PDB file of all heavy atoms in Angstrom:
ATOM      1  N   ILE A   1       0.875  -1.260   0.041  1.00  0.00           N
ATOM      2  CA  ILE A   1       0.001  -0.005   0.022  1.00  0.00           C
ATOM      3  C   ILE A   1       0.864   1.255  -0.028  1.00  0.00           C
ATOM      4  O   ILE A   1       1.844   1.342   0.757  1.00  0.00           O
ATOM      5  CB  ILE A   1      -0.998  -0.002   1.160  1.00  0.00           C
ATOM      6  CG1 ILE A   1      -1.681  -1.221   1.358  1.00  0.00           C
ATOM      7  CG2 ILE A   1      -1.829   1.271   1.221  1.00  0.00           C
ATOM      8  CD1 ILE A   1      -2.377  -1.529   2.642  1.00  0.00           C
ATOM      9  N   LYS A   2       0.690   2.134  -0.904  1.00  0.00           N
ATOM     10  CA  LYS A   2       1.669   3.253  -1.101  1.00  0.00           C
ATOM     11  C   LYS A   2       1.562   4.251   0.117  1.00  0.00           C
ATOM     12  O   LYS A   2       0.566   4.419   0.818  1.00  0.00           O
ATOM     13  CB  LYS A   2       1.406   3.978  -2.482  1.00  0.00           C
ATOM     14  CG  LYS A   2       0.181   4.899  -2.428  1.00  0.00           C
ATOM     15  CD  LYS A   2       0.113   5.447  -3.892  1.00  0.00           C
ATOM     16  CE  LYS A   2      -1.098   6.425  -3.965  1.00  0.00           C
ATOM     17  NZ  LYS A   2      -0.915   7.714  -3.211  1.00  0.00           N
ATOM     18  N   ALA A   3       2.675   4.938   0.282  1.00  0.00           N
ATOM     19  CA  ALA A   3       2.727   6.032   1.226  1.00  0.00           C
ATOM     20  C   ALA A   3       2.112   7.292   0.619  1.00  0.00           C
ATOM     21  O   ALA A   3       2.188   7.435  -0.735  1.00  0.00           O
ATOM     22  CB  ALA A   3       4.190   6.379   1.590  1.00  0.00           C
ATOM     23  N   PRO A   4       1.611   8.277   1.297  1.00  0.00           N
ATOM     24  CA  PRO A   4       1.464   8.174   2.674  1.00  0.00           C
ATOM     25  C   PRO A   4       0.199   7.552   3.284  1.00  0.00           C
ATOM     26  O   PRO A   4       0.118   7.387   4.470  1.00  0.00           O
ATOM     27  CB  PRO A   4       1.400   9.737   3.048  1.00  0.00           C
ATOM     28  CG  PRO A   4       0.683  10.375   1.873  1.00  0.00           C
ATOM     29  CD  PRO A   4       1.129   9.523   0.735  1.00  0.00           C
ATOM     30  N   GLU A   5      -0.712   7.039   2.355  1.00  0.00           N
ATOM     31  CA  GLU A   5      -1.890   6.497   2.921  1.00  0.00           C
ATOM     32  C   GLU A   5      -1.690   5.317   3.759  1.00  0.00           C
ATOM     33  O   GLU A   5      -2.437   5.110   4.781  1.00  0.00           O
ATOM     34  CB  GLU A   5      -2.762   6.037   1.645  1.00  0.00           C
ATOM     35  CG  GLU A   5      -3.392   7.080   0.852  1.00  0.00           C
ATOM     36  CD  GLU A   5      -2.362   7.481  -0.233  1.00  0.00           C
ATOM     37  OE1 GLU A   5      -1.224   7.119  -0.260  1.00  0.00           O
ATOM     38  OE2 GLU A   5      -2.893   8.261  -1.174  1.00  0.00           O
ATOM     39  N   CYS A   6      -0.701   4.492   3.595  1.00  0.00           N
ATOM     40  CA  CYS A   6      -0.369   3.414   4.388  1.00  0.00           C
ATOM     41  C   CYS A   6      -0.114   3.781   5.820  1.00  0.00           C
ATOM     42  O   CYS A   6      -0.391   2.953   6.696  1.00  0.00           O
ATOM     43  CB  CYS A   6       0.917   2.744   3.846  1.00  0.00           C
ATOM     44  SG  CYS A   6       2.445   3.578   3.973  1.00  0.00           S
ATOM     45  N   PHE A   7       0.365   4.951   6.088  1.00  0.00           N
ATOM     46  CA  PHE A   7       0.656   5.230   7.484  1.00  0.00           C
ATOM     47  C   PHE A   7      -0.782   5.417   8.341  1.00  0.00           C
ATOM     48  O   PHE A   7      -0.916   4.810   9.451  1.00  0.00           O
ATOM     49  CB  PHE A   7       1.436   6.571   7.627  1.00  0.00           C
ATOM     50  CG  PHE A   7       2.771   6.585   6.974  1.00  0.00           C
ATOM     51  CD1 PHE A   7       3.049   7.345   5.959  1.00  0.00           C
ATOM     52  CD2 PHE A   7       3.669   5.613   7.327  1.00  0.00           C
ATOM     53  CE1 PHE A   7       4.248   7.400   5.240  1.00  0.00           C
ATOM     54  CE2 PHE A   7       4.967   5.614   6.733  1.00  0.00           C
ATOM     55  CZ  PHE A   7       5.183   6.488   5.706  1.00  0.00           C
ATOM     56  N   GLU A   8      -1.719   6.132   7.637  1.00  0.00           N
ATOM     57  CA  GLU A   8      -2.962   6.321   8.313  1.00  0.00           C
ATOM     58  C   GLU A   8      -3.758   5.088   8.386  1.00  0.00           C
ATOM     59  O   GLU A   8      -4.364   4.760   9.515  1.00  0.00           O
ATOM     60  CB  GLU A   8      -3.800   7.363   7.496  1.00  0.00           C
ATOM     61  CG  GLU A   8      -5.173   7.652   8.146  1.00  0.00           C
ATOM     62  CD  GLU A   8      -6.139   8.542   7.387  1.00  0.00           C
ATOM     63  OE1 GLU A   8      -5.590   9.068   6.293  1.00  0.00           O
ATOM     64  OE2 GLU A   8      -7.275   8.748   7.835  1.00  0.00           O
ATOM     65  N   ILE A   9      -3.610   4.247   7.379  1.00  0.00           N
ATOM     66  CA  ILE A   9      -4.351   2.936   7.271  1.00  0.00           C
ATOM     67  C   ILE A   9      -3.927   2.130   8.492  1.00  0.00           C
ATOM     68  O   ILE A   9      -4.779   1.512   9.243  1.00  0.00           O
ATOM     69  CB  ILE A   9      -4.148   2.270   6.015  1.00  0.00           C
ATOM     70  CG1 ILE A   9      -4.989   2.955   4.939  1.00  0.00           C
ATOM     71  CG2 ILE A   9      -4.593   0.798   6.062  1.00  0.00           C
ATOM     72  CD1 ILE A   9      -4.743   2.387   3.489  1.00  0.00           C
ATOM     73  N   GLU A  10      -2.520   1.873   8.599  1.00  0.00           N
ATOM     74  CA  GLU A  10      -2.054   1.046   9.720  1.00  0.00           C
ATOM     75  C   GLU A  10      -2.317   1.568  11.183  1.00  0.00           C
ATOM     76  O   GLU A  10      -2.839   0.881  12.060  1.00  0.00           O
ATOM     77  CB  GLU A  10      -0.584   0.936   9.600  1.00  0.00           C
ATOM     78  CG  GLU A  10       0.005  -0.173  10.560  1.00  0.00           C
ATOM     79  CD  GLU A  10       1.432  -0.223  10.661  1.00  0.00           C
ATOM     80  OE1 GLU A  10       2.082   0.905  10.782  1.00  0.00           O
ATOM     81  OE2 GLU A  10       2.073  -1.346  10.689  1.00  0.00           O
ATOM     82  N   GLU A  11      -2.135   2.912  11.288  1.00  0.00           N
ATOM     83  CA  GLU A  11      -2.449   3.529  12.521  1.00  0.00           C
ATOM     84  C   GLU A  11      -3.913   3.307  12.974  1.00  0.00           C
ATOM     85  O   GLU A  11      -4.185   2.917  14.110  1.00  0.00           O
ATOM     86  CB  GLU A  11      -1.979   5.000  12.601  1.00  0.00           C
ATOM     87  CG  GLU A  11      -0.531   5.269  12.779  1.00  0.00           C
ATOM     88  CD  GLU A  11       0.042   4.563  13.955  1.00  0.00           C
ATOM     89  OE1 GLU A  11      -0.584   4.773  15.117  1.00  0.00           O
ATOM     90  OE2 GLU A  11       1.109   3.844  13.776  1.00  0.00           O
ATOM     91  N   ARG A  12      -4.704   3.634  12.110  1.00  0.00           N
ATOM     92  CA  ARG A  12      -6.258   3.529  12.367  1.00  0.00           C
ATOM     93  C   ARG A  12      -6.588   2.110  12.700  1.00  0.00           C
ATOM     94  O   ARG A  12      -7.323   1.852  13.579  1.00  0.00           O
ATOM     95  CB  ARG A  12      -7.038   3.989  11.237  1.00  0.00           C
ATOM     96  CG  ARG A  12      -7.081   5.424  10.972  1.00  0.00           C
ATOM     97  CD  ARG A  12      -8.134   6.224  11.728  1.00  0.00           C
ATOM     98  NE  ARG A  12      -9.475   5.614  11.483  1.00  0.00           N
ATOM     99  CZ  ARG A  12     -10.229   5.946  10.352  1.00  0.00           C
ATOM    100  NH1 ARG A  12      -9.780   6.788   9.390  1.00  0.00           N
ATOM    101  NH2 ARG A  12     -11.258   5.337  10.099  1.00  0.00           N
ATOM    102  N   LEU A  13      -6.137   1.178  11.852  1.00  0.00           N
ATOM    103  CA  LEU A  13      -6.522  -0.228  12.189  1.00  0.00           C
ATOM    104  C   LEU A  13      -5.905  -0.810  13.440  1.00  0.00           C
ATOM    105  O   LEU A  13      -6.539  -1.594  14.110  1.00  0.00           O
ATOM    106  CB  LEU A  13      -6.113  -1.146  10.993  1.00  0.00           C
ATOM    107  CG  LEU A  13      -6.840  -0.839   9.625  1.00  0.00           C
ATOM    108  CD1 LEU A  13      -6.257  -1.739   8.453  1.00  0.00           C
ATOM    109  CD2 LEU A  13      -8.366  -1.287   9.806  1.00  0.00           C
ATOM    110  N   LYS A  14      -4.708  -0.431  13.778  1.00  0.00           N
ATOM    111  CA  LYS A  14      -4.039  -0.769  14.915  1.00  0.00           C
ATOM    112  C   LYS A  14      -4.914  -0.408  16.226  1.00  0.00           C
ATOM    113  O   LYS A  14      -5.016  -0.942  17.231  1.00  0.00           O
ATOM    114  CB  LYS A  14      -2.478  -0.210  15.084  1.00  0.00           C
ATOM    115  CG  LYS A  14      -1.619  -0.961  14.259  1.00  0.00           C
ATOM    116  CD  LYS A  14      -0.273  -0.315  14.177  1.00  0.00           C
ATOM    117  CE  LYS A  14       0.467  -0.203  15.522  1.00  0.00           C
ATOM    118  NZ  LYS A  14       1.800   0.348  15.291  1.00  0.00           N
ATOM    119  N   GLU A  15      -5.384   0.930  16.079  1.00  0.00           N
ATOM    120  CA  GLU A  15      -6.139   1.461  17.147  1.00  0.00           C
ATOM    121  C   GLU A  15      -7.573   0.907  17.307  1.00  0.00           C
ATOM    122  O   GLU A  15      -8.134   0.749  18.395  1.00  0.00           O
ATOM    123  CB  GLU A  15      -6.382   3.003  16.945  1.00  0.00           C
ATOM    124  CG  GLU A  15      -5.025   3.812  17.141  1.00  0.00           C
ATOM    125  CD  GLU A  15      -5.123   5.266  16.775  1.00  0.00           C
ATOM    126  OE1 GLU A  15      -6.250   5.684  16.388  1.00  0.00           O
ATOM    127  OE2 GLU A  15      -4.126   5.959  16.635  1.00  0.00           O
ATOM    128  N   GLU A  16      -8.114   0.552  16.168  1.00  0.00           N
ATOM    129  CA  GLU A  16      -9.553   0.297  16.092  1.00  0.00           C
ATOM    130  C   GLU A  16      -9.845  -1.223  16.066  1.00  0.00           C
ATOM    131  O   GLU A  16     -11.026  -1.667  16.173  1.00  0.00           O
ATOM    132  CB  GLU A  16     -10.205   0.965  14.906  1.00  0.00           C
ATOM    133  CG  GLU A  16     -10.156   2.451  15.024  1.00  0.00           C
ATOM    134  CD  GLU A  16     -10.765   3.262  13.786  1.00  0.00           C
ATOM    135  OE1 GLU A  16     -11.616   2.622  13.114  1.00  0.00           O
ATOM    136  OE2 GLU A  16     -10.251   4.323  13.545  1.00  0.00           O
ATOM    137  N   LEU A  17      -8.788  -2.070  15.891  1.00  0.00           N
ATOM    138  CA  LEU A  17      -8.944  -3.578  15.788  1.00  0.00           C
ATOM    139  C   LEU A  17      -8.216  -4.273  17.046  1.00  0.00           C
ATOM    140  O   LEU A  17      -7.370  -3.815  17.481  1.00  0.00           O
ATOM    141  CB  LEU A  17      -8.461  -4.116  14.554  1.00  0.00           C
ATOM    142  CG  LEU A  17      -9.157  -3.732  13.278  1.00  0.00           C
ATOM    143  CD1 LEU A  17      -8.515  -4.472  12.086  1.00  0.00           C
ATOM    144  CD2 LEU A  17     -10.636  -4.159  13.285  1.00  0.00           C
ATOM    145  N   PRO A  18      -8.931  -5.222  17.594  1.00  0.00           N
ATOM    146  CA  PRO A  18      -8.346  -6.010  18.706  1.00  0.00           C
ATOM    147  C   PRO A  18      -7.460  -7.077  18.414  1.00  0.00           C
ATOM    148  O   PRO A  18      -7.171  -7.998  19.194  1.00  0.00           O
ATOM    149  CB  PRO A  18      -9.604  -6.518  19.542  1.00  0.00           C
ATOM    150  CG  PRO A  18     -10.529  -6.855  18.338  1.00  0.00           C
ATOM    151  CD  PRO A  18     -10.250  -5.868  17.270  1.00  0.00           C
ATOM    152  N   ILE A  19      -6.940  -7.098  17.196  1.00  0.00           N
ATOM    153  CA  ILE A  19      -5.948  -8.175  16.719  1.00  0.00           C
ATOM    154  C   ILE A  19      -4.633  -7.458  16.152  1.00  0.00           C
ATOM    155  O   ILE A  19      -4.795  -6.287  15.793  1.00  0.00           O
ATOM    156  CB  ILE A  19      -6.593  -9.049  15.686  1.00  0.00           C
ATOM    157  CG1 ILE A  19      -7.243  -8.359  14.500  1.00  0.00           C
ATOM    158  CG2 ILE A  19      -7.816  -9.922  16.258  1.00  0.00           C
ATOM    159  CD1 ILE A  19      -7.732  -9.107  13.347  1.00  0.00           C
ATOM    160  N   PRO A  20      -3.614  -8.278  16.091  1.00  0.00           N
ATOM    161  CA  PRO A  20      -2.403  -7.698  15.522  1.00  0.00           C
ATOM    162  C   PRO A  20      -2.434  -7.211  14.126  1.00  0.00           C
ATOM    163  O   PRO A  20      -2.978  -7.913  13.319  1.00  0.00           O
ATOM    164  CB  PRO A  20      -1.336  -8.783  15.809  1.00  0.00           C
ATOM    165  CG  PRO A  20      -2.064  -9.936  16.027  1.00  0.00           C
ATOM    166  CD  PRO A  20      -3.448  -9.669  16.610  1.00  0.00           C
ATOM    167  N   VAL A  21      -2.059  -5.988  13.892  1.00  0.00           N
ATOM    168  CA  VAL A  21      -2.011  -5.462  12.515  1.00  0.00           C
ATOM    169  C   VAL A  21      -0.572  -4.973  12.172  1.00  0.00           C
ATOM    170  O   VAL A  21       0.078  -4.291  13.070  1.00  0.00           O
ATOM    171  CB  VAL A  21      -3.000  -4.348  12.324  1.00  0.00           C
ATOM    172  CG1 VAL A  21      -2.824  -3.590  10.998  1.00  0.00           C
ATOM    173  CG2 VAL A  21      -4.454  -4.732  12.582  1.00  0.00           C
ATOM    174  N   MET A  22       0.016  -5.384  10.998  1.00  0.00           N
ATOM    175  CA  MET A  22       1.332  -4.859  10.707  1.00  0.00           C
ATOM    176  C   MET A  22       1.491  -4.584   9.229  1.00  0.00           C
ATOM    177  O   MET A  22       1.050  -5.590   8.401  1.00  0.00           O
ATOM    178  CB  MET A  22       2.432  -5.849  11.160  1.00  0.00           C
ATOM    179  CG  MET A  22       3.790  -5.353  11.081  1.00  0.00           C
ATOM    180  SD  MET A  22       5.112  -6.314  11.687  1.00  0.00           S
ATOM    181  CE  MET A  22       5.485  -7.623  10.434  1.00  0.00           C
ATOM    182  N   HIS A  23       1.912  -3.500   8.778  1.00  0.00           N
ATOM    183  CA  HIS A  23       2.287  -3.273   7.416  1.00  0.00           C
ATOM    184  C   HIS A  23       3.643  -3.741   7.108  1.00  0.00           C
ATOM    185  O   HIS A  23       4.612  -3.020   7.570  1.00  0.00           O
ATOM    186  CB  HIS A  23       2.033  -1.797   7.127  1.00  0.00           C
ATOM    187  CG  HIS A  23       2.344  -1.425   5.650  1.00  0.00           C
ATOM    188  ND1 HIS A  23       2.738  -0.182   5.234  1.00  0.00           N
ATOM    189  CD2 HIS A  23       2.193  -2.125   4.489  1.00  0.00           C
ATOM    190  CE1 HIS A  23       2.881  -0.169   3.964  1.00  0.00           C
ATOM    191  NE2 HIS A  23       2.446  -1.342   3.441  1.00  0.00           N
ATOM    192  N   ASP A  24       3.816  -4.927   6.662  1.00  0.00           N
ATOM    193  CA  ASP A  24       5.103  -5.506   6.554  1.00  0.00           C
ATOM    194  C   ASP A  24       6.198  -4.773   5.702  1.00  0.00           C
ATOM    195  O   ASP A  24       7.335  -4.694   6.010  1.00  0.00           O
ATOM    196  CB  ASP A  24       5.115  -6.886   5.942  1.00  0.00           C
ATOM    197  CG  ASP A  24       6.323  -7.597   5.966  1.00  0.00           C
ATOM    198  OD1 ASP A  24       7.102  -7.636   7.098  1.00  0.00           O
ATOM    199  OD2 ASP A  24       6.766  -8.102   4.948  1.00  0.00           O
ATOM    200  N   ASP A  25       5.600  -3.979   4.680  1.00  0.00           N
ATOM    201  CA  ASP A  25       6.547  -3.142   3.894  1.00  0.00           C
ATOM    202  C   ASP A  25       7.369  -2.160   4.837  1.00  0.00           C
ATOM    203  O   ASP A  25       8.515  -1.755   4.396  1.00  0.00           O
ATOM    204  CB  ASP A  25       5.886  -2.474   2.751  1.00  0.00           C
ATOM    205  CG  ASP A  25       5.101  -3.383   1.918  1.00  0.00           C
ATOM    206  OD1 ASP A  25       5.812  -4.235   1.234  1.00  0.00           O
ATOM    207  OD2 ASP A  25       3.821  -3.430   1.804  1.00  0.00           O
ATOM    208  N   GLN A  26       6.713  -1.575   5.829  1.00  0.00           N
ATOM    209  CA  GLN A  26       7.241  -0.740   6.689  1.00  0.00           C
ATOM    210  C   GLN A  26       8.213  -1.401   7.669  1.00  0.00           C
ATOM    211  O   GLN A  26       9.424  -1.273   7.659  1.00  0.00           O
ATOM    212  CB  GLN A  26       6.232   0.014   7.499  1.00  0.00           C
ATOM    213  CG  GLN A  26       5.270   1.006   6.718  1.00  0.00           C
ATOM    214  CD  GLN A  26       4.369   1.692   7.649  1.00  0.00           C
ATOM    215  OE1 GLN A  26       4.753   2.411   8.655  1.00  0.00           O
ATOM    216  NE2 GLN A  26       3.049   1.562   7.353  1.00  0.00           N
TER     217      GLN A  26
END
C-alpha cells in the first residue's frame, strides 16, 4: 500500500481492531 496512505491505514487499524495489524513493507 503506497505512502502516505499506508501510515494512516495502519495507525487507524491498530487503534480500532483488537488483533495484531502490521504493514510489513514498513
